[in-house]
């Protein structure tokens, strides 16, 4: 039976509405930490001219995704490629050529080194843009109690996890030539960040 992530099901449409105005025809997107493929399936169905390459660290997740897309029940769009394994920290990334990088709910459930790894990998692959979705801590602003509770829960489960400071993420991006060009508020105290190169 196919695994469904309730958060991915809730946020896929709001994220799509933002990406629709930013992703260009024939753009090649590399998705990091694709998980259940809910985002990939939803986005590619609505953006038929965008080529989407999902990846994930988990071999089990990649194999489950490959099996899903090979089945008739998935009704996978032609612009959605089968997921492939990728460790963000294994640089340079050995993946098909890409124009943009997309990651949802990755940075807070991975070691902090993954933040810089995302931008180093994107830079080595000459990505023009990087889109990152998830919760962030903002300097000088009150953090929603739900995010504070979520952060404490994450750190309790794994001490290297935790919601990242937006300023830190921006610094790691700048070090690789990416500028934070837009911060889009999203439901449930999340943000969608757009970074562009040059």
C-alpha atoms as a PDB file:
ATOM      1  CA  UNK A   1       0.000   0.000   0.000  1.00  0.00           C
ATOM      2  CA  UNK A   2       1.285   3.446  -0.915  1.00  0.00           C
ATOM      3  CA  UNK A   3       2.525   5.620   1.964  1.00  0.00           C
ATOM      4  CA  UNK A   4       0.963   9.087   2.112  1.00  0.00           C
ATOM      5  CA  UNK A   5       2.465  11.969   4.098  1.00  0.00           C
ATOM      6  CA  UNK A   6      -0.327  14.193   5.515  1.00  0.00           C
ATOM      7  CA  UNK A   7       1.914  17.324   5.617  1.00  0.00           C
ATOM      8  CA  UNK A   8       2.977  16.801   1.991  1.00  0.00           C
ATOM      9  CA  UNK A   9      -0.661  16.375   1.010  1.00  0.00           C
ATOM     10  CA  UNK A  10      -1.575  19.664   2.730  1.00  0.00           C
ATOM     11  CA  UNK A  11       1.275  21.796   1.422  1.00  0.00           C
ATOM     12  CA  UNK A  12       1.656  20.518  -2.150  1.00  0.00           C
ATOM     13  CA  UNK A  13      -0.911  22.895  -3.657  1.00  0.00           C
ATOM     14  CA  UNK A  14       0.296  26.096  -1.905  1.00  0.00           C
ATOM     15  CA  UNK A  15       3.863  25.300  -2.979  1.00  0.00           C
ATOM     16  CA  UNK A  16       2.758  24.566  -6.544  1.00  0.00           C
ATOM     17  CA  UNK A  17       1.010  27.937  -6.749  1.00  0.00           C
ATOM     18  CA  UNK A  18       4.320  29.658  -5.984  1.00  0.00           C
ATOM     19  CA  UNK A  19       6.473  27.485  -8.255  1.00  0.00           C
ATOM     20  CA  UNK A  20       4.061  27.879 -11.176  1.00  0.00           C
ATOM     21  CA  UNK A  21       4.985  31.555 -11.454  1.00  0.00           C
ATOM     22  CA  UNK A  22       8.721  30.881 -11.246  1.00  0.00           C
ATOM     23  CA  UNK A  23       9.608  27.674 -13.086  1.00  0.00           C
ATOM     24  CA  UNK A  24      10.070  28.193 -16.810  1.00  0.00           C
ATOM     25  CA  UNK A  25       9.200  25.794 -19.649  1.00  0.00           C
ATOM     26  CA  UNK A  26      11.850  23.127 -20.276  1.00  0.00           C
ATOM     27  CA  UNK A  27      13.430  23.796 -16.893  1.00  0.00           C
ATOM     28  CA  UNK A  28      15.100  20.776 -15.284  1.00  0.00           C
ATOM     29  CA  UNK A  29      14.467  20.530 -11.547  1.00  0.00           C
ATOM     30  CA  UNK A  30      16.430  18.309  -9.176  1.00  0.00           C
ATOM     31  CA  UNK A  31      14.385  17.485  -6.074  1.00  0.00           C
ATOM     32  CA  UNK A  32      16.279  16.603  -2.901  1.00  0.00           C
ATOM     33  CA  UNK A  33      14.699  14.293  -0.304  1.00  0.00           C
ATOM     34  CA  UNK A  34      11.698  13.438  -2.487  1.00  0.00           C
ATOM     35  CA  UNK A  35      10.136  11.092   0.076  1.00  0.00           C
ATOM     36  CA  UNK A  36       6.747   9.759  -0.997  1.00  0.00           C
ATOM     37  CA  UNK A  37       6.796  11.565  -4.385  1.00  0.00           C
ATOM     38  CA  UNK A  38       3.594  13.436  -3.527  1.00  0.00           C
ATOM     39  CA  UNK A  39       5.147  16.770  -4.481  1.00  0.00           C
ATOM     40  CA  UNK A  40       6.765  15.382  -7.630  1.00  0.00           C
ATOM     41  CA  UNK A  41       3.555  13.791  -8.892  1.00  0.00           C
ATOM     42  CA  UNK A  42       1.455  16.855  -8.129  1.00  0.00           C
ATOM     43  CA  UNK A  43       3.869  19.391  -9.590  1.00  0.00           C
ATOM     44  CA  UNK A  44       4.640  17.558 -12.812  1.00  0.00           C
ATOM     45  CA  UNK A  45       0.962  16.954 -13.540  1.00  0.00           C
ATOM     46  CA  UNK A  46       0.390  20.722 -13.454  1.00  0.00           C
ATOM     47  CA  UNK A  47       3.715  21.730 -15.035  1.00  0.00           C
ATOM     48  CA  UNK A  48       4.004  19.411 -18.058  1.00  0.00           C
ATOM     49  CA  UNK A  49       6.880  21.380 -19.594  1.00  0.00           C
ATOM     50  CA  UNK A  50       9.098  21.097 -16.503  1.00  0.00           C
ATOM     51  CA  UNK A  51      11.355  18.038 -16.230  1.00  0.00           C
ATOM     52  CA  UNK A  52      11.469  16.758 -12.645  1.00  0.00           C
ATOM     53  CA  UNK A  53      14.202  14.475 -11.255  1.00  0.00           C
ATOM     54  CA  UNK A  54      13.482  13.247  -7.705  1.00  0.00           C
ATOM     55  CA  UNK A  55      16.303  12.013  -5.453  1.00  0.00           C
ATOM     56  CA  UNK A  56      16.526  10.701  -1.905  1.00  0.00           C
ATOM     57  CA  UNK A  57      19.193   9.554   0.533  1.00  0.00           C
ATOM     58  CA  UNK A  58      17.177   6.458   1.491  1.00  0.00           C
ATOM     59  CA  UNK A  59      17.622   3.495  -0.836  1.00  0.00           C
ATOM     60  CA  UNK A  60      14.326   2.097   0.448  1.00  0.00           C
ATOM     61  CA  UNK A  61      12.539   5.347  -0.433  1.00  0.00           C
ATOM     62  CA  UNK A  62      14.095   5.432  -3.911  1.00  0.00           C
ATOM     63  CA  UNK A  63      13.111   1.824  -4.607  1.00  0.00           C
ATOM     64  CA  UNK A  64       9.556   2.443  -3.361  1.00  0.00           C
ATOM     65  CA  UNK A  65       9.305   5.466  -5.650  1.00  0.00           C
ATOM     66  CA  UNK A  66      10.624   3.540  -8.630  1.00  0.00           C
ATOM     67  CA  UNK A  67       8.112   0.768  -7.974  1.00  0.00           C
ATOM     68  CA  UNK A  68       5.291   3.303  -7.642  1.00  0.00           C
ATOM     69  CA  UNK A  69       6.081   5.012 -10.950  1.00  0.00           C
ATOM     70  CA  UNK A  70       6.366   1.653 -12.690  1.00  0.00           C
ATOM     71  CA  UNK A  71       2.872   0.707 -11.531  1.00  0.00           C
ATOM     72  CA  UNK A  72      -0.252   1.632 -13.468  1.00  0.00           C
ATOM     73  CA  UNK A  73      -1.877   3.191 -10.413  1.00  0.00           C
ATOM     74  CA  UNK A  74       0.559   6.125 -10.255  1.00  0.00           C
ATOM     75  CA  UNK A  75      -0.389   7.575 -13.655  1.00  0.00           C
ATOM     76  CA  UNK A  76       2.992   9.304 -13.658  1.00  0.00           C
ATOM     77  CA  UNK A  77       3.412  12.222 -16.083  1.00  0.00           C
ATOM     78  CA  UNK A  78       6.021  11.802 -18.811  1.00  0.00           C
ATOM     79  CA  UNK A  79       8.055  14.707 -17.398  1.00  0.00           C
ATOM     80  CA  UNK A  80       8.583  12.918 -14.073  1.00  0.00           C
ATOM     81  CA  UNK A  81      11.748  10.816 -13.950  1.00  0.00           C
ATOM     82  CA  UNK A  82      12.171   7.790 -11.708  1.00  0.00           C
ATOM     83  CA  UNK A  83      13.839   8.698  -8.386  1.00  0.00           C
ATOM     84  CA  UNK A  84      17.548   8.077  -7.964  1.00  0.00           C
ATOM     85  CA  UNK A  85      19.739   7.879  -4.838  1.00  0.00           C
ATOM     86  CA  UNK A  86      21.615  10.988  -3.733  1.00  0.00           C
ATOM     87  CA  UNK A  87      23.527  11.916  -0.604  1.00  0.00           C
ATOM     88  CA  UNK A  88      23.549  15.726  -0.534  1.00  0.00           C
ATOM     89  CA  UNK A  89      26.913  15.669   1.255  1.00  0.00           C
ATOM     90  CA  UNK A  90      28.543  13.454  -1.395  1.00  0.00           C
ATOM     91  CA  UNK A  91      29.951  16.104  -3.704  1.00  0.00           C
ATOM     92  CA  UNK A  92      29.872  16.669  -6.605  1.00  0.00           C
ATOM     93  CA  UNK A  93      26.424  15.192  -7.160  1.00  0.00           C
ATOM     94  CA  UNK A  94      26.350  12.446  -9.763  1.00  0.00           C
ATOM     95  CA  UNK A  95      22.950  13.209 -11.301  1.00  0.00           C
ATOM     96  CA  UNK A  96      21.524  14.287 -14.670  1.00  0.00           C
ATOM     97  CA  UNK A  97      22.020  17.964 -15.575  1.00  0.00           C
ATOM     98  CA  UNK A  98      19.660  20.376 -13.799  1.00  0.00           C
ATOM     99  CA  UNK A  99      18.728  24.067 -13.844  1.00  0.00           C
ATOM    100  CA  UNK A 100      17.102  24.356 -10.416  1.00  0.00           C
ATOM    101  CA  UNK A 101      17.186  22.597  -7.062  1.00  0.00           C
ATOM    102  CA  UNK A 102      14.081  22.036  -4.922  1.00  0.00           C
ATOM    103  CA  UNK A 103      13.967  20.760  -1.349  1.00  0.00           C
ATOM    104  CA  UNK A 104      11.015  20.588   1.016  1.00  0.00           C
ATOM    105  CA  UNK A 105      11.286  19.811   4.714  1.00  0.00           C
ATOM    106  CA  UNK A 106      14.907  18.731   4.452  1.00  0.00           C
ATOM    107  CA  UNK A 107      17.078  21.159   6.411  1.00  0.00           C
ATOM    108  CA  UNK A 108      15.506  20.627   9.831  1.00  0.00           C
ATOM    109  CA  UNK A 109      15.660  16.807   9.730  1.00  0.00           C
ATOM    110  CA  UNK A 110      19.295  16.489   8.692  1.00  0.00           C
ATOM    111  CA  UNK A 111      22.722  17.517  10.058  1.00  0.00           C
ATOM    112  CA  UNK A 112      23.430  21.230   9.816  1.00  0.00           C
ATOM    113  CA  UNK A 113      26.174  20.487   7.238  1.00  0.00           C
ATOM    114  CA  UNK A 114      23.410  19.677   4.763  1.00  0.00           C
ATOM    115  CA  UNK A 115      22.573  23.400   4.550  1.00  0.00           C
ATOM    116  CA  UNK A 116      25.921  24.208   2.966  1.00  0.00           C
ATOM    117  CA  UNK A 117      25.859  20.907   1.039  1.00  0.00           C
ATOM    118  CA  UNK A 118      22.686  21.960  -0.771  1.00  0.00           C
ATOM    119  CA  UNK A 119      24.267  25.162  -2.068  1.00  0.00           C
ATOM    120  CA  UNK A 120      27.665  23.644  -2.841  1.00  0.00           C
ATOM    121  CA  UNK A 121      25.981  20.881  -4.844  1.00  0.00           C
ATOM    122  CA  UNK A 122      23.747  23.380  -6.604  1.00  0.00           C
ATOM    123  CA  UNK A 123      26.721  25.576  -7.453  1.00  0.00           C
ATOM    124  CA  UNK A 124      28.819  22.699  -8.771  1.00  0.00           C
ATOM    125  CA  UNK A 125      25.856  21.718 -10.939  1.00  0.00           C
ATOM    126  CA  UNK A 126      25.519  25.331 -12.100  1.00  0.00           C
ATOM    127  CA  UNK A 127      21.909  25.620 -10.938  1.00  0.00           C
ATOM    128  CA  UNK A 128      20.351  28.984 -11.661  1.00  0.00           C
ATOM    129  CA  UNK A 129      17.970  28.816  -8.713  1.00  0.00           C
ATOM    130  CA  UNK A 130      17.341  26.969  -5.451  1.00  0.00           C
ATOM    131  CA  UNK A 131      13.905  26.640  -3.810  1.00  0.00           C
ATOM    132  CA  UNK A 132      13.689  25.569  -0.178  1.00  0.00           C
ATOM    133  CA  UNK A 133      10.464  25.002   1.754  1.00  0.00           C
ATOM    134  CA  UNK A 134      10.081  24.502   5.476  1.00  0.00           C
ATOM    135  CA  UNK A 135      10.116  26.179   8.905  1.00  0.00           C
ATOM    136  CA  UNK A 136      12.830  28.709   9.775  1.00  0.00           C
ATOM    137  CA  UNK A 137      13.837  30.844  12.748  1.00  0.00           C
ATOM    138  CA  UNK A 138      13.918  34.570  12.013  1.00  0.00           C
ATOM    139  CA  UNK A 139      16.251  36.924  13.885  1.00  0.00           C
ATOM    140  CA  UNK A 140      14.547  39.810  15.616  1.00  0.00           C
ATOM    141  CA  UNK A 141      11.104  38.292  15.223  1.00  0.00           C
ATOM    142  CA  UNK A 142       8.990  36.286  17.608  1.00  0.00           C
ATOM    143  CA  UNK A 143       8.904  32.637  16.593  1.00  0.00           C
ATOM    144  CA  UNK A 144       5.516  30.930  16.540  1.00  0.00           C
ATOM    145  CA  UNK A 145       5.083  28.676  19.566  1.00  0.00           C
ATOM    146  CA  UNK A 146       4.270  25.764  17.268  1.00  0.00           C
ATOM    147  CA  UNK A 147       7.691  26.116  15.616  1.00  0.00           C
ATOM    148  CA  UNK A 148       9.444  26.371  18.985  1.00  0.00           C
ATOM    149  CA  UNK A 149       7.687  23.202  20.122  1.00  0.00           C
ATOM    150  CA  UNK A 150       8.541  21.501  16.830  1.00  0.00           C
ATOM    151  CA  UNK A 151      12.202  22.514  17.179  1.00  0.00           C
ATOM    152  CA  UNK A 152      12.373  21.084  20.708  1.00  0.00           C
ATOM    153  CA  UNK A 153      10.733  17.876  19.499  1.00  0.00           C
ATOM    154  CA  UNK A 154      13.227  17.529  16.630  1.00  0.00           C
ATOM    155  CA  UNK A 155      16.240  18.051  18.884  1.00  0.00           C
ATOM    156  CA  UNK A 156      14.811  15.562  21.349  1.00  0.00           C
ATOM    157  CA  UNK A 157      14.611  12.934  18.617  1.00  0.00           C
ATOM    158  CA  UNK A 158      18.064  13.687  17.205  1.00  0.00           C
ATOM    159  CA  UNK A 159      20.468  16.333  18.601  1.00  0.00           C
ATOM    160  CA  UNK A 160      21.794  17.236  15.118  1.00  0.00           C
ATOM    161  CA  UNK A 161      18.304  18.106  13.864  1.00  0.00           C
ATOM    162  CA  UNK A 162      16.500  21.395  14.410  1.00  0.00           C
ATOM    163  CA  UNK A 163      14.878  24.348  12.688  1.00  0.00           C
ATOM    164  CA  UNK A 164      17.607  26.467  11.066  1.00  0.00           C
ATOM    165  CA  UNK A 165      18.129  30.193  11.413  1.00  0.00           C
ATOM    166  CA  UNK A 166      17.165  31.868   8.156  1.00  0.00           C
ATOM    167  CA  UNK A 167      20.221  34.121   8.455  1.00  0.00           C
ATOM    168  CA  UNK A 168      22.512  31.079   8.618  1.00  0.00           C
ATOM    169  CA  UNK A 169      20.887  29.552   5.531  1.00  0.00           C
ATOM    170  CA  UNK A 170      21.272  32.840   3.695  1.00  0.00           C
ATOM    171  CA  UNK A 171      24.975  33.016   4.638  1.00  0.00           C
ATOM    172  CA  UNK A 172      25.610  29.509   3.314  1.00  0.00           C
ATOM    173  CA  UNK A 173      23.870  30.455   0.075  1.00  0.00           C
ATOM    174  CA  UNK A 174      25.883  33.651  -0.349  1.00  0.00           C
ATOM    175  CA  UNK A 175      29.120  31.713   0.136  1.00  0.00           C
ATOM    176  CA  UNK A 176      28.248  29.767  -3.028  1.00  0.00           C
ATOM    177  CA  UNK A 177      27.030  32.741  -5.057  1.00  0.00           C
ATOM    178  CA  UNK A 178      23.295  32.512  -4.335  1.00  0.00           C
ATOM    179  CA  UNK A 179      21.208  35.471  -3.195  1.00  0.00           C
ATOM    180  CA  UNK A 180      17.924  35.162  -1.322  1.00  0.00           C
ATOM    181  CA  UNK A 181      15.617  36.922  -3.781  1.00  0.00           C
ATOM    182  CA  UNK A 182      12.244  36.088  -2.271  1.00  0.00           C
ATOM    183  CA  UNK A 183      10.784  34.842   1.006  1.00  0.00           C
ATOM    184  CA  UNK A 184       7.208  33.669   0.547  1.00  0.00           C
ATOM    185  CA  UNK A 185       5.090  33.106   3.700  1.00  0.00           C
ATOM    186  CA  UNK A 186       3.312  29.756   3.578  1.00  0.00           C
ATOM    187  CA  UNK A 187       0.640  28.048   5.703  1.00  0.00           C
ATOM    188  CA  UNK A 188       1.423  26.714   9.191  1.00  0.00           C
ATOM    189  CA  UNK A 189       4.345  29.113   9.784  1.00  0.00           C
ATOM    190  CA  UNK A 190       6.492  27.797   6.911  1.00  0.00           C
ATOM    191  CA  UNK A 191       8.394  29.704   4.245  1.00  0.00           C
ATOM    192  CA  UNK A 192       9.296  29.080   0.630  1.00  0.00           C
ATOM    193  CA  UNK A 193      12.703  30.588  -0.105  1.00  0.00           C
ATOM    194  CA  UNK A 194      13.925  31.419  -3.596  1.00  0.00           C
ATOM    195  CA  UNK A 195      17.669  31.790  -4.130  1.00  0.00           C
ATOM    196  CA  UNK A 196      19.163  32.810  -7.460  1.00  0.00           C
ATOM    197  CA  UNK A 197      22.740  32.705  -8.704  1.00  0.00           C
ATOM    198  CA  UNK A 198      24.772  35.639  -9.943  1.00  0.00           C
END
